[in-house]
PDB file of N, CA and C in Angstrom:
ATOM      1  N   MET A   1     -14.436  34.196  -8.357  1.00  0.00           N
ATOM      2  CA  MET A   1     -13.134  34.042  -7.737  1.00  0.00           C
ATOM      3  C   MET A   1     -13.148  32.925  -6.691  1.00  0.00           C
ATOM      4  N   SER A   2     -14.267  32.711  -6.023  1.00  0.00           N
ATOM      5  CA  SER A   2     -14.314  31.681  -4.993  1.00  0.00           C
ATOM      6  C   SER A   2     -14.086  30.290  -5.574  1.00  0.00           C
ATOM      7  N   SER A   3     -14.511  30.054  -6.820  1.00  0.00           N
ATOM      8  CA  SER A   3     -14.279  28.743  -7.431  1.00  0.00           C
ATOM      9  C   SER A   3     -12.793  28.514  -7.663  1.00  0.00           C
ATOM     10  N   VAL A   4     -12.049  29.579  -7.937  1.00  0.00           N
ATOM     11  CA  VAL A   4     -10.604  29.462  -8.126  1.00  0.00           C
ATOM     12  C   VAL A   4      -9.942  29.060  -6.812  1.00  0.00           C
ATOM     13  N   ILE A   5     -10.352  29.650  -5.726  1.00  0.00           N
ATOM     14  CA  ILE A   5      -9.810  29.324  -4.407  1.00  0.00           C
ATOM     15  C   ILE A   5     -10.136  27.878  -4.066  1.00  0.00           C
ATOM     16  N   HIS A   6     -11.344  27.450  -4.360  1.00  0.00           N
ATOM     17  CA  HIS A   6     -11.758  26.068  -4.084  1.00  0.00           C
ATOM     18  C   HIS A   6     -10.897  25.082  -4.870  1.00  0.00           C
ATOM     19  N   ILE A   7     -10.660  25.368  -6.123  1.00  0.00           N
ATOM     20  CA  ILE A   7      -9.817  24.504  -6.949  1.00  0.00           C
ATOM     21  C   ILE A   7      -8.394  24.492  -6.397  1.00  0.00           C
ATOM     22  N   ASP A   8      -7.899  25.628  -5.986  1.00  0.00           N
ATOM     23  CA  ASP A   8      -6.555  25.702  -5.428  1.00  0.00           C
ATOM     24  C   ASP A   8      -6.430  24.845  -4.175  1.00  0.00           C
ATOM     25  N   LYS A   9      -7.439  24.870  -3.317  1.00  0.00           N
ATOM     26  CA  LYS A   9      -7.403  24.057  -2.106  1.00  0.00           C
ATOM     27  C   LYS A   9      -7.431  22.577  -2.453  1.00  0.00           C
ATOM     28  N   GLU A  10      -8.250  22.198  -3.424  1.00  0.00           N
ATOM     29  CA  GLU A  10      -8.299  20.802  -3.851  1.00  0.00           C
ATOM     30  C   GLU A  10      -6.955  20.384  -4.453  1.00  0.00           C
ATOM     31  N   TYR A  11      -6.382  21.271  -5.226  1.00  0.00           N
ATOM     32  CA  TYR A  11      -5.077  20.983  -5.840  1.00  0.00           C
ATOM     33  C   TYR A  11      -3.998  20.843  -4.770  1.00  0.00           C
ATOM     34  N   GLN A  12      -4.012  21.724  -3.793  1.00  0.00           N
ATOM     35  CA  GLN A  12      -3.044  21.645  -2.703  1.00  0.00           C
ATOM     36  C   GLN A  12      -3.197  20.343  -1.936  1.00  0.00           C
ATOM     37  N   GLN A  13      -4.431  19.916  -1.687  1.00  0.00           N
ATOM     38  CA  GLN A  13      -4.679  18.658  -0.988  1.00  0.00           C
ATOM     39  C   GLN A  13      -4.180  17.490  -1.826  1.00  0.00           C
ATOM     40  N   TRP A  14      -4.416  17.539  -3.129  1.00  0.00           N
ATOM     41  CA  TRP A  14      -3.970  16.485  -4.030  1.00  0.00           C
ATOM     42  C   TRP A  14      -2.444  16.381  -4.019  1.00  0.00           C
ATOM     43  N   ILE A  15      -1.776  17.518  -4.046  1.00  0.00           N
ATOM     44  CA  ILE A  15      -0.310  17.538  -4.004  1.00  0.00           C
ATOM     45  C   ILE A  15       0.195  16.956  -2.682  1.00  0.00           C
ATOM     46  N   LYS A  16      -0.438  17.302  -1.573  1.00  0.00           N
ATOM     47  CA  LYS A  16      -0.041  16.767  -0.268  1.00  0.00           C
ATOM     48  C   LYS A  16      -0.182  15.254  -0.241  1.00  0.00           C
ATOM     49  N   GLU A  17      -1.301  14.749  -0.728  1.00  0.00           N
ATOM     50  CA  GLU A  17      -1.521  13.305  -0.753  1.00  0.00           C
ATOM     51  C   GLU A  17      -0.527  12.606  -1.672  1.00  0.00           C
ATOM     52  N   LEU A  18      -0.251  13.203  -2.803  1.00  0.00           N
ATOM     53  CA  LEU A  18       0.718  12.647  -3.743  1.00  0.00           C
ATOM     54  C   LEU A  18       2.104  12.593  -3.108  1.00  0.00           C
ATOM     55  N   SER A  19       2.458  13.648  -2.399  1.00  0.00           N
ATOM     56  CA  SER A  19       3.755  13.691  -1.713  1.00  0.00           C
ATOM     57  C   SER A  19       3.852  12.614  -0.642  1.00  0.00           C
ATOM     58  N   LYS A  20       2.772  12.413   0.109  1.00  0.00           N
ATOM     59  CA  LYS A  20       2.764  11.369   1.135  1.00  0.00           C
ATOM     60  C   LYS A  20       2.929   9.989   0.509  1.00  0.00           C
ATOM     61  N   ARG A  21       2.202   9.740  -0.581  1.00  0.00           N
ATOM     62  CA  ARG A  21       2.307   8.440  -1.254  1.00  0.00           C
ATOM     63  C   ARG A  21       3.711   8.210  -1.785  1.00  0.00           C
ATOM     64  N   PHE A  22       4.312   9.251  -2.342  1.00  0.00           N
ATOM     65  CA  PHE A  22       5.664   9.147  -2.878  1.00  0.00           C
ATOM     66  C   PHE A  22       6.656   8.820  -1.761  1.00  0.00           C
ATOM     67  N   ARG A  23       6.517   9.505  -0.635  1.00  0.00           N
ATOM     68  CA  ARG A  23       7.419   9.281   0.503  1.00  0.00           C
ATOM     69  C   ARG A  23       7.263   7.865   1.055  1.00  0.00           C
ATOM     70  N   ARG A  24       6.006   7.403   1.169  1.00  0.00           N
ATOM     71  CA  ARG A  24       5.780   6.029   1.636  1.00  0.00           C
ATOM     72  C   ARG A  24       6.431   5.027   0.691  1.00  0.00           C
ATOM     73  N   SER A  25       6.337   5.273  -0.604  1.00  0.00           N
ATOM     74  CA  SER A  25       6.960   4.376  -1.580  1.00  0.00           C
ATOM     75  C   SER A  25       8.472   4.376  -1.438  1.00  0.00           C
ATOM     76  N   GLN A  26       9.053   5.532  -1.197  1.00  0.00           N
ATOM     77  CA  GLN A  26      10.500   5.614  -0.997  1.00  0.00           C
ATOM     78  C   GLN A  26      10.925   4.813   0.228  1.00  0.00           C
ATOM     79  N   ILE A  27      10.169   4.937   1.306  1.00  0.00           N
ATOM     80  CA  ILE A  27      10.499   4.227   2.538  1.00  0.00           C
ATOM     81  C   ILE A  27      10.371   2.723   2.333  1.00  0.00           C
ATOM     82  N   LYS A  28       9.300   2.300   1.679  1.00  0.00           N
ATOM     83  CA  LYS A  28       9.119   0.870   1.420  1.00  0.00           C
ATOM     84  C   LYS A  28      10.256   0.329   0.559  1.00  0.00           C
ATOM     85  N   ALA A  29      10.676   1.089  -0.430  1.00  0.00           N
ATOM     86  CA  ALA A  29      11.784   0.654  -1.283  1.00  0.00           C
ATOM     87  C   ALA A  29      13.074   0.554  -0.485  1.00  0.00           C
ATOM     88  N   SER A  30      13.320   1.517   0.382  1.00  0.00           N
ATOM     89  CA  SER A  30      14.533   1.492   1.213  1.00  0.00           C
ATOM     90  C   SER A  30      14.550   0.283   2.136  1.00  0.00           C
ATOM     91  N   VAL A  31      13.417  -0.014   2.743  1.00  0.00           N
ATOM     92  CA  VAL A  31      13.327  -1.162   3.636  1.00  0.00           C
ATOM     93  C   VAL A  31      13.591  -2.446   2.863  1.00  0.00           C
ATOM     94  N   LYS A  32      13.012  -2.561   1.678  1.00  0.00           N
ATOM     95  CA  LYS A  32      13.210  -3.763   0.870  1.00  0.00           C
ATOM     96  C   LYS A  32      14.672  -3.915   0.457  1.00  0.00           C
ATOM     97  N   VAL A  33      15.303  -2.832   0.051  1.00  0.00           N
ATOM     98  CA  VAL A  33      16.720  -2.877  -0.333  1.00  0.00           C
ATOM     99  C   VAL A  33      17.569  -3.294   0.863  1.00  0.00           C
ATOM    100  N   ASN A  34      17.314  -2.698   2.020  1.00  0.00           N
ATOM    101  CA  ASN A  34      18.078  -3.057   3.223  1.00  0.00           C
ATOM    102  C   ASN A  34      17.890  -4.526   3.571  1.00  0.00           C
ATOM    103  N   GLN A  35      16.665  -5.007   3.455  1.00  0.00           N
ATOM    104  CA  GLN A  35      16.382  -6.406   3.738  1.00  0.00           C
ATOM    105  C   GLN A  35      17.169  -7.317   2.798  1.00  0.00           C
ATOM    106  N   GLU A  36      17.173  -6.993   1.519  1.00  0.00           N
ATOM    107  CA  GLU A  36      17.894  -7.801   0.536  1.00  0.00           C
ATOM    108  C   GLU A  36      19.399  -7.751   0.767  1.00  0.00           C
ATOM    109  N   MET A  37      19.908  -6.593   1.124  1.00  0.00           N
ATOM    110  CA  MET A  37      21.343  -6.467   1.380  1.00  0.00           C
ATOM    111  C   MET A  37      21.746  -7.280   2.606  1.00  0.00           C
ATOM    112  N   LEU A  38      20.944  -7.232   3.666  1.00  0.00           N
ATOM    113  CA  LEU A  38      21.241  -8.027   4.856  1.00  0.00           C
ATOM    114  C   LEU A  38      21.216  -9.522   4.535  1.00  0.00           C
ATOM    115  N   THR A  39      20.238  -9.945   3.762  1.00  0.00           N
ATOM    116  CA  THR A  39      20.168 -11.357   3.352  1.00  0.00           C
ATOM    117  C   THR A  39      21.407 -11.735   2.551  1.00  0.00           C
ATOM    118  N   PHE A  40      21.815 -10.882   1.643  1.00  0.00           N
ATOM    119  CA  PHE A  40      23.002 -11.132   0.827  1.00  0.00           C
ATOM    120  C   PHE A  40      24.240 -11.267   1.686  1.00  0.00           C
ATOM    121  N   TYR A  41      24.419 -10.327   2.630  1.00  0.00           N
ATOM    122  CA  TYR A  41      25.609 -10.350   3.482  1.00  0.00           C
ATOM    123  C   TYR A  41      25.632 -11.579   4.392  1.00  0.00           C
ATOM    124  N   TRP A  42      24.462 -11.978   4.907  1.00  0.00           N
ATOM    125  CA  TRP A  42      24.419 -13.134   5.789  1.00  0.00           C
ATOM    126  C   TRP A  42      24.684 -14.435   5.039  1.00  0.00           C
ATOM    127  N   ASP A  43      24.340 -14.457   3.750  1.00  0.00           N
ATOM    128  CA  ASP A  43      24.639 -15.644   2.938  1.00  0.00           C
ATOM    129  C   ASP A  43      26.123 -15.684   2.654  1.00  0.00           C
TER     130      ASP A  43
END
């Protein structure tokens, strides 16, 4: 049973890291879109 708990903890950590990477990607995309929109409006 302890190996199951160990796998669960590794899986939970993997999910947390995946969620962080996804959120960072969303933020980077938002910043890029805002930058492009500001450039468009100023032109």
